[in-house]
Amino acid sequence: MKRLLSIILLAVAATAAATACTSLVATGRATASGHPLLWKHRDTGAPGNFLARVEATDSTLAYVGLYNDGDSLLAEAWTGMNEAGFAVLNTASYNLAPDTARIKDREGLVMSAALARCRTVDDFARLLDSLPRPMGVQANFGAIDASGRAAYFETGDHSVCRFDVDSAAIRTNHSLSGTLGRGNGYIRLAAARHLTAGRRISPRLLADTLSRSFYHGLTARDHLADGDRYVADLDFIPRDITTASVVIESTPEGPVMWASLGYTPVAPVGRVTLDSIPAAMGPDLPGWRSSACHAATDLRRTAIPFEGGSGPRYLDLHVLAPLIGQARLKSRF
């Protein structure tokens, strides 16, 4: 515990990353359903994202992916699932490579290739091994498949460190194979561990609890449950740059996704399959944007009580609380 606290305090002093995510992968040993699942709570500098299906070809698989606003070519998937029951996610890692890395941000391209080609976690390992170096990625990739396997791949420009998951594992914005104390996400890691400790992992727990939580991993205080009003919006799992929460479960009947787009505390969760995406979660607005995503993002702005100076960094939880309750009522599990 002392070691974890020292790591957290080091991380507090680090400069916040422009993009950040919290994630989990689990085998059936840890889940309520007995099936493997993964979860990506997405934080990004992109203004929004949408869901879309990519059709199969003679040599590729059909899949559903999460794409940045404006990606009309569906070129970069930021998480997704395919018809073989394979699913993949990433979180940026900031202790695998220096900030001066020459080639960056190819994670979405890698995941698009994986969703089109991979049937298993081992297939994904082979894909990573086959990519030319430098790969242009600094990421923790999480993957599950229909056979029940789950793994994280801590991946830099020239190396891949695989961690097979026997039960459940969490990654934020640092890698265990990197230098601990560097990178980011230590406080969110502590929060995610606390909120899942001793519990069977389920889509509802991840999408409806963790992605709406105002439990702080450093202070060990749940500001929403305790009825606090004004809080500094710093180091909670949902952040001002949150744009999605996606849970994917690989079942014998095929993969199923539970997604909320935009600012997740106030965003309803929708059920997605390979053949069915809620219209508002697709690119239904001009510019290849999702109306569900931008509606939830706009709601967050109603909970910013102060202007000027550091005022916009604060949230009014008395405004957010009823919006969170409404989103839960509208969610579909």
C-alpha atoms as a PDB file:
ATOM      1  CA  MET A   1       0.000   0.000   0.000  1.00  0.00           C
ATOM      2  CA  LYS A   2       2.861   2.393   0.828  1.00  0.00           C
ATOM      3  CA  ARG A   3       4.435   1.626  -2.549  1.00  0.00           C
ATOM      4  CA  LEU A   4       1.140   2.317  -4.369  1.00  0.00           C
ATOM      5  CA  LEU A   5       0.731   5.610  -2.501  1.00  0.00           C
ATOM      6  CA  SER A   6       4.255   6.727  -3.380  1.00  0.00           C
ATOM      7  CA  ILE A   7       3.585   5.934  -7.041  1.00  0.00           C
ATOM      8  CA  ILE A   8       0.319   7.883  -6.915  1.00  0.00           C
ATOM      9  CA  LEU A   9       2.004  10.926  -5.393  1.00  0.00           C
ATOM     10  CA  LEU A  10       4.679  10.867  -8.081  1.00  0.00           C
ATOM     11  CA  ALA A  11       1.985  10.700 -10.743  1.00  0.00           C
ATOM     12  CA  VAL A  12       0.066  13.645  -9.283  1.00  0.00           C
ATOM     13  CA  ALA A  13       3.027  15.851 -10.082  1.00  0.00           C
ATOM     14  CA  ALA A  14       3.158  14.691 -13.697  1.00  0.00           C
ATOM     15  CA  THR A  15       1.706  16.797 -16.489  1.00  0.00           C
ATOM     16  CA  ALA A  16      -1.755  15.567 -17.488  1.00  0.00           C
ATOM     17  CA  ALA A  17      -1.905  13.721 -20.778  1.00  0.00           C
ATOM     18  CA  ALA A  18      -3.865  15.098 -23.684  1.00  0.00           C
ATOM     19  CA  THR A  19      -5.567  11.730 -24.044  1.00  0.00           C
ATOM     20  CA  ALA A  20      -6.264   9.130 -21.399  1.00  0.00           C
ATOM     21  CA  CYS A  21      -8.420   6.060 -20.898  1.00  0.00           C
ATOM     22  CA  THR A  22      -9.331   3.544 -18.227  1.00  0.00           C
ATOM     23  CA  SER A  23      -9.782  -0.106 -19.228  1.00  0.00           C
ATOM     24  CA  LEU A  24     -10.384  -3.637 -17.998  1.00  0.00           C
ATOM     25  CA  VAL A  25     -10.250  -7.106 -19.517  1.00  0.00           C
ATOM     26  CA  ALA A  26     -11.626 -10.202 -17.818  1.00  0.00           C
ATOM     27  CA  THR A  27     -12.047 -13.898 -18.415  1.00  0.00           C
ATOM     28  CA  GLY A  28     -15.198 -15.801 -17.487  1.00  0.00           C
ATOM     29  CA  ARG A  29     -13.678 -16.600 -14.087  1.00  0.00           C
ATOM     30  CA  ALA A  30     -14.266 -12.982 -13.032  1.00  0.00           C
ATOM     31  CA  THR A  31     -17.511 -12.110 -14.832  1.00  0.00           C
ATOM     32  CA  ALA A  32     -21.122 -12.484 -13.767  1.00  0.00           C
ATOM     33  CA  SER A  33     -22.029 -14.243 -17.034  1.00  0.00           C
ATOM     34  CA  GLY A  34     -19.026 -16.549 -17.225  1.00  0.00           C
ATOM     35  CA  HIS A  35     -18.024 -14.990 -20.570  1.00  0.00           C
ATOM     36  CA  PRO A  36     -14.936 -12.849 -21.248  1.00  0.00           C
ATOM     37  CA  LEU A  37     -15.414  -9.118 -21.575  1.00  0.00           C
ATOM     38  CA  LEU A  38     -13.492  -5.914 -21.988  1.00  0.00           C
ATOM     39  CA  TRP A  39     -14.226  -2.302 -21.114  1.00  0.00           C
ATOM     40  CA  LYS A  40     -12.816   0.926 -22.464  1.00  0.00           C
ATOM     41  CA  HIS A  41     -13.686   4.233 -20.872  1.00  0.00           C
ATOM     42  CA  ARG A  42     -12.411   6.606 -23.531  1.00  0.00           C
ATOM     43  CA  ASP A  43     -10.838  10.005 -22.848  1.00  0.00           C
ATOM     44  CA  THR A  44      -9.514  11.863 -25.875  1.00  0.00           C
ATOM     45  CA  GLY A  45      -8.826  15.245 -27.368  1.00  0.00           C
ATOM     46  CA  ALA A  46     -11.139  14.386 -30.271  1.00  0.00           C
ATOM     47  CA  PRO A  47     -14.479  16.248 -29.977  1.00  0.00           C
ATOM     48  CA  GLY A  48     -16.611  13.105 -30.255  1.00  0.00           C
ATOM     49  CA  ASN A  49     -17.020   9.620 -31.664  1.00  0.00           C
ATOM     50  CA  PHE A  50     -19.569   7.315 -33.251  1.00  0.00           C
ATOM     51  CA  LEU A  51     -20.184   3.605 -33.874  1.00  0.00           C
ATOM     52  CA  ALA A  52     -20.274   1.992 -37.304  1.00  0.00           C
ATOM     53  CA  ARG A  53     -20.147  -1.418 -38.971  1.00  0.00           C
ATOM     54  CA  VAL A  54     -17.501  -2.396 -41.511  1.00  0.00           C
ATOM     55  CA  GLU A  55     -18.649  -5.142 -43.868  1.00  0.00           C
ATOM     56  CA  ALA A  56     -16.756  -8.362 -44.487  1.00  0.00           C
ATOM     57  CA  THR A  57     -14.853  -9.024 -47.696  1.00  0.00           C
ATOM     58  CA  ASP A  58     -13.432 -12.214 -49.167  1.00  0.00           C
ATOM     59  CA  SER A  59     -10.409 -11.826 -46.925  1.00  0.00           C
ATOM     60  CA  THR A  60     -11.668  -9.845 -43.910  1.00  0.00           C
ATOM     61  CA  LEU A  61     -14.225 -10.141 -41.113  1.00  0.00           C
ATOM     62  CA  ALA A  62     -17.216  -7.900 -40.424  1.00  0.00           C
ATOM     63  CA  TYR A  63     -16.894  -5.748 -37.342  1.00  0.00           C
ATOM     64  CA  VAL A  64     -18.311  -2.817 -35.387  1.00  0.00           C
ATOM     65  CA  GLY A  65     -15.882  -0.117 -34.292  1.00  0.00           C
ATOM     66  CA  LEU A  66     -15.766   3.198 -32.458  1.00  0.00           C
ATOM     67  CA  TYR A  67     -14.550   6.046 -34.684  1.00  0.00           C
ATOM     68  CA  ASN A  68     -13.592   9.689 -34.207  1.00  0.00           C
ATOM     69  CA  ASP A  69     -15.904  12.381 -35.538  1.00  0.00           C
ATOM     70  CA  GLY A  70     -15.275  12.914 -39.221  1.00  0.00           C
ATOM     71  CA  ASP A  71     -13.726   9.499 -39.944  1.00  0.00           C
ATOM     72  CA  SER A  72     -15.896   8.875 -43.001  1.00  0.00           C
ATOM     73  CA  LEU A  73     -13.476   6.207 -44.275  1.00  0.00           C
ATOM     74  CA  LEU A  74     -13.805   4.230 -41.016  1.00  0.00           C
ATOM     75  CA  ALA A  75     -10.030   4.028 -41.030  1.00  0.00           C
ATOM     76  CA  GLU A  76      -9.191   4.097 -37.307  1.00  0.00           C
ATOM     77  CA  ALA A  77     -11.185   2.016 -34.833  1.00  0.00           C
ATOM     78  CA  TRP A  78     -10.587   2.960 -31.196  1.00  0.00           C
ATOM     79  CA  THR A  79     -12.192  -0.207 -29.863  1.00  0.00           C
ATOM     80  CA  GLY A  80     -14.488  -2.800 -31.422  1.00  0.00           C
ATOM     81  CA  MET A  81     -15.697  -6.358 -31.909  1.00  0.00           C
ATOM     82  CA  ASN A  82     -15.862  -8.682 -34.916  1.00  0.00           C
ATOM     83  CA  GLU A  83     -17.970 -11.585 -36.116  1.00  0.00           C
ATOM     84  CA  ALA A  84     -15.477 -14.152 -34.760  1.00  0.00           C
ATOM     85  CA  GLY A  85     -16.026 -12.873 -31.209  1.00  0.00           C
ATOM     86  CA  PHE A  86     -12.656 -11.135 -31.043  1.00  0.00           C
ATOM     87  CA  ALA A  87     -12.556  -7.667 -29.434  1.00  0.00           C
ATOM     88  CA  VAL A  88      -9.774  -5.172 -28.853  1.00  0.00           C
ATOM     89  CA  LEU A  89      -9.126  -1.880 -27.051  1.00  0.00           C
ATOM     90  CA  ASN A  90      -6.235   0.416 -26.293  1.00  0.00           C
ATOM     91  CA  THR A  91      -5.166   2.897 -23.673  1.00  0.00           C
ATOM     92  CA  ALA A  92      -2.338   5.316 -24.298  1.00  0.00           C
ATOM     93  CA  SER A  93       0.758   4.503 -22.262  1.00  0.00           C
ATOM     94  CA  TYR A  94       3.182   7.243 -21.261  1.00  0.00           C
ATOM     95  CA  ASN A  95       6.023   5.255 -19.713  1.00  0.00           C
ATOM     96  CA  LEU A  96       6.953   3.078 -22.688  1.00  0.00           C
ATOM     97  CA  ALA A  97       8.578   5.618 -25.010  1.00  0.00           C
ATOM     98  CA  PRO A  98       9.868   9.187 -24.831  1.00  0.00           C
ATOM     99  CA  ASP A  99       7.627  12.027 -25.949  1.00  0.00           C
ATOM    100  CA  THR A 100      10.054  12.579 -28.809  1.00  0.00           C
ATOM    101  CA  ALA A 101       9.023   9.362 -30.572  1.00  0.00           C
ATOM    102  CA  ARG A 102       9.120  10.168 -34.293  1.00  0.00           C
ATOM    103  CA  ILE A 103       6.056   8.132 -35.337  1.00  0.00           C
ATOM    104  CA  LYS A 104       2.957   8.211 -33.119  1.00  0.00           C
ATOM    105  CA  ASP A 105      -0.772   7.613 -32.830  1.00  0.00           C
ATOM    106  CA  ARG A 106      -1.140   4.558 -35.079  1.00  0.00           C
ATOM    107  CA  GLU A 107      -3.140   2.622 -32.496  1.00  0.00           C
ATOM    108  CA  GLY A 108      -6.439   3.105 -34.342  1.00  0.00           C
ATOM    109  CA  LEU A 109      -4.936   1.755 -37.558  1.00  0.00           C
ATOM    110  CA  VAL A 110      -3.585  -1.287 -35.718  1.00  0.00           C
ATOM    111  CA  MET A 111      -6.961  -2.025 -34.141  1.00  0.00           C
ATOM    112  CA  SER A 112      -8.776  -1.673 -37.461  1.00  0.00           C
ATOM    113  CA  ALA A 113      -6.397  -4.224 -38.956  1.00  0.00           C
ATOM    114  CA  ALA A 114      -6.907  -6.520 -35.968  1.00  0.00           C
ATOM    115  CA  LEU A 115     -10.707  -6.367 -36.161  1.00  0.00           C
ATOM    116  CA  ALA A 116     -10.601  -7.167 -39.867  1.00  0.00           C
ATOM    117  CA  ARG A 117      -8.177 -10.078 -39.567  1.00  0.00           C
ATOM    118  CA  CYS A 118      -7.975 -11.561 -36.058  1.00  0.00           C
ATOM    119  CA  ARG A 119     -10.130 -14.340 -34.664  1.00  0.00           C
ATOM    120  CA  THR A 120      -8.209 -14.964 -31.452  1.00  0.00           C
ATOM    121  CA  VAL A 121      -5.946 -13.288 -28.936  1.00  0.00           C
ATOM    122  CA  ASP A 122      -3.065 -15.329 -30.384  1.00  0.00           C
ATOM    123  CA  ASP A 123      -3.862 -13.965 -33.851  1.00  0.00           C
ATOM    124  CA  PHE A 124      -3.498 -10.482 -32.426  1.00  0.00           C
ATOM    125  CA  ALA A 125      -0.124 -11.383 -30.924  1.00  0.00           C
ATOM    126  CA  ARG A 126       1.029 -12.560 -34.342  1.00  0.00           C
ATOM    127  CA  LEU A 127      -0.260  -9.362 -35.957  1.00  0.00           C
ATOM    128  CA  LEU A 128       1.745  -7.214 -33.546  1.00  0.00           C
ATOM    129  CA  ASP A 129       4.850  -9.313 -34.175  1.00  0.00           C
ATOM    130  CA  SER A 130       4.433  -8.849 -37.939  1.00  0.00           C
ATOM    131  CA  LEU A 131       4.196  -5.039 -37.954  1.00  0.00           C
ATOM    132  CA  PRO A 132       7.195  -3.075 -39.241  1.00  0.00           C
ATOM    133  CA  ARG A 133       9.260  -1.230 -36.653  1.00  0.00           C
ATOM    134  CA  PRO A 134       8.941   1.416 -35.371  1.00  0.00           C
ATOM    135  CA  MET A 135       5.239   0.622 -34.982  1.00  0.00           C
ATOM    136  CA  GLY A 136       4.181   4.157 -34.082  1.00  0.00           C
ATOM    137  CA  VAL A 137       2.296   2.999 -30.982  1.00  0.00           C
ATOM    138  CA  GLN A 138       2.753   3.484 -27.263  1.00  0.00           C
ATOM    139  CA  ALA A 139      -0.211   1.609 -25.857  1.00  0.00           C
ATOM    140  CA  ASN A 140      -1.704  -1.040 -23.673  1.00  0.00           C
ATOM    141  CA  PHE A 141      -3.808  -3.153 -26.045  1.00  0.00           C
ATOM    142  CA  GLY A 142      -6.458  -5.353 -24.408  1.00  0.00           C
ATOM    143  CA  ALA A 143      -8.014  -8.284 -26.262  1.00  0.00           C
ATOM    144  CA  ILE A 144     -10.532 -11.078 -25.691  1.00  0.00           C
ATOM    145  CA  ASP A 145     -11.842 -13.859 -27.908  1.00  0.00           C
ATOM    146  CA  ALA A 146     -14.662 -16.382 -28.147  1.00  0.00           C
ATOM    147  CA  SER A 147     -12.504 -19.160 -26.701  1.00  0.00           C
ATOM    148  CA  GLY A 148     -12.464 -17.299 -23.384  1.00  0.00           C
ATOM    149  CA  ARG A 149      -8.951 -15.898 -23.474  1.00  0.00           C
ATOM    150  CA  ALA A 150      -7.998 -12.384 -22.413  1.00  0.00           C
ATOM    151  CA  ALA A 151      -4.699 -10.522 -22.450  1.00  0.00           C
ATOM    152  CA  TYR A 152      -3.003  -7.155 -22.375  1.00  0.00           C
ATOM    153  CA  PHE A 153      -0.180  -6.313 -24.757  1.00  0.00           C
ATOM    154  CA  GLU A 154       2.014  -3.454 -23.542  1.00  0.00           C
ATOM    155  CA  THR A 155       3.327  -2.221 -26.854  1.00  0.00           C
ATOM    156  CA  GLY A 156       5.986   0.319 -27.763  1.00  0.00           C
ATOM    157  CA  ASP A 157       7.639   1.155 -31.036  1.00  0.00           C
ATOM    158  CA  HIS A 158       9.934  -1.853 -30.943  1.00  0.00           C
ATOM    159  CA  SER A 159       8.635  -4.208 -28.255  1.00  0.00           C
ATOM    160  CA  VAL A 160       5.558  -6.111 -27.078  1.00  0.00           C
ATOM    161  CA  CYS A 161       5.135  -7.431 -23.539  1.00  0.00           C
ATOM    162  CA  ARG A 162       2.193  -9.824 -23.227  1.00  0.00           C
ATOM    163  CA  PHE A 163       0.262 -10.328 -19.987  1.00  0.00           C
ATOM    164  CA  ASP A 164      -2.235 -13.189 -20.168  1.00  0.00           C
ATOM    165  CA  VAL A 165      -5.176 -12.529 -17.853  1.00  0.00           C
ATOM    166  CA  ASP A 166      -6.482 -15.367 -15.712  1.00  0.00           C
ATOM    167  CA  SER A 167      -9.236 -13.411 -13.963  1.00  0.00           C
ATOM    168  CA  ALA A 168      -9.403  -9.612 -14.446  1.00  0.00           C
ATOM    169  CA  ALA A 169      -6.852  -6.866 -15.042  1.00  0.00           C
ATOM    170  CA  ILE A 170      -6.981  -3.084 -15.335  1.00  0.00           C
ATOM    171  CA  ARG A 171      -4.818  -0.639 -17.280  1.00  0.00           C
ATOM    172  CA  THR A 172      -4.877   3.148 -17.470  1.00  0.00           C
ATOM    173  CA  ASN A 173      -2.066   5.284 -18.905  1.00  0.00           C
ATOM    174  CA  HIS A 174       1.067   3.523 -17.823  1.00  0.00           C
ATOM    175  CA  SER A 175       2.425   0.023 -18.397  1.00  0.00           C
ATOM    176  CA  LEU A 176       3.679  -2.482 -15.852  1.00  0.00           C
ATOM    177  CA  SER A 177       6.615  -3.211 -18.132  1.00  0.00           C
ATOM    178  CA  GLY A 178       7.548   0.474 -18.135  1.00  0.00           C
ATOM    179  CA  THR A 179       9.073   2.555 -15.360  1.00  0.00           C
ATOM    180  CA  LEU A 180       6.513   2.793 -12.547  1.00  0.00           C
ATOM    181  CA  GLY A 181       6.015   6.296 -11.232  1.00  0.00           C
ATOM    182  CA  ARG A 182       6.096   7.641 -14.768  1.00  0.00           C
ATOM    183  CA  GLY A 183       3.099   7.866 -17.046  1.00  0.00           C
ATOM    184  CA  ASN A 184      -0.399   8.719 -15.868  1.00  0.00           C
ATOM    185  CA  GLY A 185      -3.631   7.206 -14.574  1.00  0.00           C
ATOM    186  CA  TYR A 186      -2.494   5.945 -11.168  1.00  0.00           C
ATOM    187  CA  ILE A 187      -5.366   7.602  -9.321  1.00  0.00           C
ATOM    188  CA  ARG A 188      -7.954   6.291 -11.794  1.00  0.00           C
ATOM    189  CA  LEU A 189      -6.365   2.847 -11.480  1.00  0.00           C
ATOM    190  CA  ALA A 190      -6.872   2.964  -7.713  1.00  0.00           C
ATOM    191  CA  ALA A 191     -10.499   4.023  -8.201  1.00  0.00           C
ATOM    192  CA  ALA A 192     -11.236   1.231 -10.688  1.00  0.00           C
ATOM    193  CA  ARG A 193      -9.651  -1.343  -8.388  1.00  0.00           C
ATOM    194  CA  HIS A 194     -11.725  -0.112  -5.451  1.00  0.00           C
ATOM    195  CA  LEU A 195     -14.999  -0.118  -7.380  1.00  0.00           C
ATOM    196  CA  THR A 196     -14.493  -3.651  -8.731  1.00  0.00           C
ATOM    197  CA  ALA A 197     -12.938  -5.257  -5.639  1.00  0.00           C
ATOM    198  CA  GLY A 198     -14.786  -8.386  -4.536  1.00  0.00           C
ATOM    199  CA  ARG A 199     -17.450  -8.018  -7.230  1.00  0.00           C
ATOM    200  CA  ARG A 200     -18.321 -10.111 -10.257  1.00  0.00           C
ATOM    201  CA  ILE A 201     -17.603  -8.033 -13.336  1.00  0.00           C
ATOM    202  CA  SER A 202     -20.635  -7.183 -15.475  1.00  0.00           C
ATOM    203  CA  PRO A 203     -21.504  -4.680 -18.200  1.00  0.00           C
ATOM    204  CA  ARG A 204     -23.768  -2.851 -15.756  1.00  0.00           C
ATOM    205  CA  LEU A 205     -20.993  -2.528 -13.153  1.00  0.00           C
ATOM    206  CA  LEU A 206     -18.596  -1.069 -15.717  1.00  0.00           C
ATOM    207  CA  ALA A 207     -20.863   1.126 -17.836  1.00  0.00           C
ATOM    208  CA  ASP A 208     -23.424   2.130 -15.215  1.00  0.00           C
ATOM    209  CA  THR A 209     -21.176   2.401 -12.150  1.00  0.00           C
ATOM    210  CA  LEU A 210     -17.508   2.970 -13.011  1.00  0.00           C
ATOM    211  CA  SER A 211     -18.153   5.226 -16.001  1.00  0.00           C
ATOM    212  CA  ARG A 212     -20.503   7.380 -13.888  1.00  0.00           C
ATOM    213  CA  SER A 213     -18.446   7.334 -10.700  1.00  0.00           C
ATOM    214  CA  PHE A 214     -17.149  10.298  -8.714  1.00  0.00           C
ATOM    215  CA  TYR A 215     -15.109   8.153  -6.366  1.00  0.00           C
ATOM    216  CA  HIS A 216     -11.607   9.592  -6.094  1.00  0.00           C
ATOM    217  CA  GLY A 217      -8.802   7.049  -5.971  1.00  0.00           C
ATOM    218  CA  LEU A 218      -6.417   9.235  -3.966  1.00  0.00           C
ATOM    219  CA  THR A 219      -8.751  10.658  -1.321  1.00  0.00           C
ATOM    220  CA  ALA A 220     -10.938   7.512  -1.173  1.00  0.00           C
ATOM    221  CA  ARG A 221     -14.044   9.715  -1.133  1.00  0.00           C
ATOM    222  CA  ASP A 222     -17.192   9.198  -3.204  1.00  0.00           C
ATOM    223  CA  HIS A 223     -18.280  12.773  -3.796  1.00  0.00           C
ATOM    224  CA  LEU A 224     -21.568  11.884  -5.492  1.00  0.00           C
ATOM    225  CA  ALA A 225     -22.661   9.353  -2.866  1.00  0.00           C
ATOM    226  CA  ASP A 226     -21.663  11.717  -0.072  1.00  0.00           C
ATOM    227  CA  GLY A 227     -23.824  14.497  -1.482  1.00  0.00           C
ATOM    228  CA  ASP A 228     -21.013  16.961  -2.158  1.00  0.00           C
ATOM    229  CA  ARG A 229     -21.869  19.858  -4.419  1.00  0.00           C
ATOM    230  CA  TYR A 230     -18.812  21.498  -5.990  1.00  0.00           C
ATOM    231  CA  VAL A 231     -15.859  19.297  -6.950  1.00  0.00           C
ATOM    232  CA  ALA A 232     -12.688  19.923  -8.915  1.00  0.00           C
ATOM    233  CA  ASP A 233     -13.009  17.740 -12.008  1.00  0.00           C
ATOM    234  CA  LEU A 234      -9.627  16.052 -11.627  1.00  0.00           C
ATOM    235  CA  ASP A 235      -8.676  12.356 -11.753  1.00  0.00           C
ATOM    236  CA  PHE A 236     -12.143  10.817 -11.637  1.00  0.00           C
ATOM    237  CA  ILE A 237     -12.750   7.991 -14.125  1.00  0.00           C
ATOM    238  CA  PRO A 238     -15.088  10.257 -16.160  1.00  0.00           C
ATOM    239  CA  ARG A 239     -13.243  13.396 -17.209  1.00  0.00           C
ATOM    240  CA  ASP A 240     -13.908  16.554 -19.173  1.00  0.00           C
ATOM    241  CA  ILE A 241     -12.418  14.792 -22.233  1.00  0.00           C
ATOM    242  CA  THR A 242     -14.502  11.621 -21.833  1.00  0.00           C
ATOM    243  CA  THR A 243     -16.271  10.656 -25.074  1.00  0.00           C
ATOM    244  CA  ALA A 244     -17.371   7.024 -24.621  1.00  0.00           C
ATOM    245  CA  SER A 245     -17.708   3.962 -22.447  1.00  0.00           C
ATOM    246  CA  VAL A 246     -17.769   0.649 -24.307  1.00  0.00           C
ATOM    247  CA  VAL A 247     -18.183  -2.823 -22.799  1.00  0.00           C
ATOM    248  CA  ILE A 248     -17.896  -5.855 -25.079  1.00  0.00           C
ATOM    249  CA  GLU A 249     -18.788  -9.381 -24.063  1.00  0.00           C
ATOM    250  CA  SER A 250     -17.952 -12.390 -26.226  1.00  0.00           C
ATOM    251  CA  THR A 251     -20.851 -14.862 -25.901  1.00  0.00           C
ATOM    252  CA  PRO A 252     -21.600 -18.175 -27.678  1.00  0.00           C
ATOM    253  CA  GLU A 253     -24.343 -16.361 -29.619  1.00  0.00           C
ATOM    254  CA  GLY A 254     -21.904 -13.695 -30.786  1.00  0.00           C
ATOM    255  CA  PRO A 255     -20.349 -10.557 -29.307  1.00  0.00           C
ATOM    256  CA  VAL A 256     -22.509  -7.905 -27.644  1.00  0.00           C
ATOM    257  CA  MET A 257     -21.560  -4.307 -26.904  1.00  0.00           C
ATOM    258  CA  TRP A 258     -22.994  -1.904 -24.335  1.00  0.00           C
ATOM    259  CA  ALA A 259     -22.038   1.646 -25.229  1.00  0.00           C
ATOM    260  CA  SER A 260     -22.596   5.163 -23.966  1.00  0.00           C
ATOM    261  CA  LEU A 261     -21.291   8.028 -26.075  1.00  0.00           C
ATOM    262  CA  GLY A 262     -20.286  11.517 -25.005  1.00  0.00           C
ATOM    263  CA  TYR A 263     -19.889  12.479 -21.358  1.00  0.00           C
ATOM    264  CA  THR A 264     -20.680   9.102 -19.823  1.00  0.00           C
ATOM    265  CA  PRO A 265     -22.132  10.096 -16.418  1.00  0.00           C
ATOM    266  CA  VAL A 266     -25.172  11.551 -18.215  1.00  0.00           C
ATOM    267  CA  ALA A 267     -25.224   9.301 -21.313  1.00  0.00           C
ATOM    268  CA  PRO A 268     -27.712   6.402 -21.593  1.00  0.00           C
ATOM    269  CA  VAL A 269     -26.219   2.975 -22.305  1.00  0.00           C
ATOM    270  CA  GLY A 270     -27.355   1.308 -25.526  1.00  0.00           C
ATOM    271  CA  ARG A 271     -27.123  -2.337 -26.554  1.00  0.00           C
ATOM    272  CA  VAL A 272     -25.217  -2.946 -29.798  1.00  0.00           C
ATOM    273  CA  THR A 273     -24.737  -6.074 -31.893  1.00  0.00           C
ATOM    274  CA  LEU A 274     -23.000  -6.670 -35.192  1.00  0.00           C
ATOM    275  CA  ASP A 275     -26.370  -6.229 -36.896  1.00  0.00           C
ATOM    276  CA  SER A 276     -27.888  -3.472 -34.776  1.00  0.00           C
ATOM    277  CA  ILE A 277     -26.513  -0.052 -33.803  1.00  0.00           C
ATOM    278  CA  PRO A 278     -28.856   2.564 -32.284  1.00  0.00           C
ATOM    279  CA  ALA A 279     -29.298   5.270 -34.905  1.00  0.00           C
ATOM    280  CA  ALA A 280     -28.241   8.107 -32.587  1.00  0.00           C
ATOM    281  CA  MET A 281     -24.942   6.325 -31.885  1.00  0.00           C
ATOM    282  CA  GLY A 282     -24.096   6.151 -35.578  1.00  0.00           C
ATOM    283  CA  PRO A 283     -22.936   9.098 -37.720  1.00  0.00           C
ATOM    284  CA  ASP A 284     -26.402  10.637 -37.963  1.00  0.00           C
ATOM    285  CA  LEU A 285     -25.253  14.282 -37.925  1.00  0.00           C
ATOM    286  CA  PRO A 286     -23.436  16.187 -40.691  1.00  0.00           C
ATOM    287  CA  GLY A 287     -19.683  15.775 -40.561  1.00  0.00           C
ATOM    288  CA  TRP A 288     -19.923  12.128 -39.492  1.00  0.00           C
ATOM    289  CA  ARG A 289     -20.905  12.886 -35.907  1.00  0.00           C
ATOM    290  CA  SER A 290     -23.228  11.146 -33.437  1.00  0.00           C
ATOM    291  CA  SER A 291     -26.196  13.017 -31.991  1.00  0.00           C
ATOM    292  CA  ALA A 292     -26.124  10.836 -28.852  1.00  0.00           C
ATOM    293  CA  CYS A 293     -22.490  11.712 -28.253  1.00  0.00           C
ATOM    294  CA  HIS A 294     -22.882  15.446 -28.636  1.00  0.00           C
ATOM    295  CA  ALA A 295     -26.120  15.604 -26.638  1.00  0.00           C
ATOM    296  CA  ALA A 296     -24.370  14.051 -23.619  1.00  0.00           C
ATOM    297  CA  THR A 297     -21.361  16.334 -24.048  1.00  0.00           C
ATOM    298  CA  ASP A 298     -23.660  19.380 -24.076  1.00  0.00           C
ATOM    299  CA  LEU A 299     -25.323  18.216 -20.839  1.00  0.00           C
ATOM    300  CA  ARG A 300     -21.999  18.341 -19.015  1.00  0.00           C
ATOM    301  CA  ARG A 301     -21.750  22.046 -19.758  1.00  0.00           C
ATOM    302  CA  THR A 302     -24.919  22.676 -17.739  1.00  0.00           C
ATOM    303  CA  ALA A 303     -23.074  21.457 -14.631  1.00  0.00           C
ATOM    304  CA  ILE A 304     -20.200  23.956 -14.871  1.00  0.00           C
ATOM    305  CA  PRO A 305     -21.197  26.560 -12.266  1.00  0.00           C
ATOM    306  CA  PHE A 306     -18.438  29.152 -12.565  1.00  0.00           C
ATOM    307  CA  GLU A 307     -16.812  31.139 -15.350  1.00  0.00           C
ATOM    308  CA  GLY A 308     -13.403  32.739 -15.474  1.00  0.00           C
ATOM    309  CA  GLY A 309     -10.100  31.647 -14.019  1.00  0.00           C
ATOM    310  CA  SER A 310     -10.164  28.012 -12.916  1.00  0.00           C
ATOM    311  CA  GLY A 311     -13.973  28.061 -12.524  1.00  0.00           C
ATOM    312  CA  PRO A 312     -14.668  25.811 -15.545  1.00  0.00           C
ATOM    313  CA  ARG A 313     -12.620  23.072 -13.876  1.00  0.00           C
ATOM    314  CA  TYR A 314     -15.356  22.629 -11.259  1.00  0.00           C
ATOM    315  CA  LEU A 315     -18.600  20.664 -11.491  1.00  0.00           C
ATOM    316  CA  ASP A 316     -21.890  21.070  -9.647  1.00  0.00           C
ATOM    317  CA  LEU A 317     -22.823  17.512  -8.656  1.00  0.00           C
ATOM    318  CA  HIS A 318     -26.261  18.695  -7.524  1.00  0.00           C
ATOM    319  CA  VAL A 319     -26.947  19.462 -11.188  1.00  0.00           C
ATOM    320  CA  LEU A 320     -25.329  16.259 -12.445  1.00  0.00           C
ATOM    321  CA  ALA A 321     -26.995  13.863 -10.001  1.00  0.00           C
ATOM    322  CA  PRO A 322     -30.532  14.006 -11.486  1.00  0.00           C
ATOM    323  CA  LEU A 323     -29.093  13.830 -15.014  1.00  0.00           C
ATOM    324  CA  ILE A 324     -27.194  10.685 -14.041  1.00  0.00           C
ATOM    325  CA  GLY A 325     -30.396   9.204 -12.648  1.00  0.00           C
ATOM    326  CA  GLN A 326     -32.268   9.953 -15.872  1.00  0.00           C
ATOM    327  CA  ALA A 327     -29.514   8.354 -17.953  1.00  0.00           C
ATOM    328  CA  ARG A 328     -29.670   5.188 -15.854  1.00  0.00           C
ATOM    329  CA  LEU A 329     -33.422   4.939 -16.385  1.00  0.00           C
ATOM    330  CA  LYS A 330     -32.952   5.201 -20.151  1.00  0.00           C
ATOM    331  CA  SER A 331     -30.151   2.628 -20.318  1.00  0.00           C
ATOM    332  CA  ARG A 332     -30.659  -0.746 -21.968  1.00  0.00           C
ATOM    333  CA  PHE A 333     -28.836  -3.801 -20.638  1.00  0.00           C
END
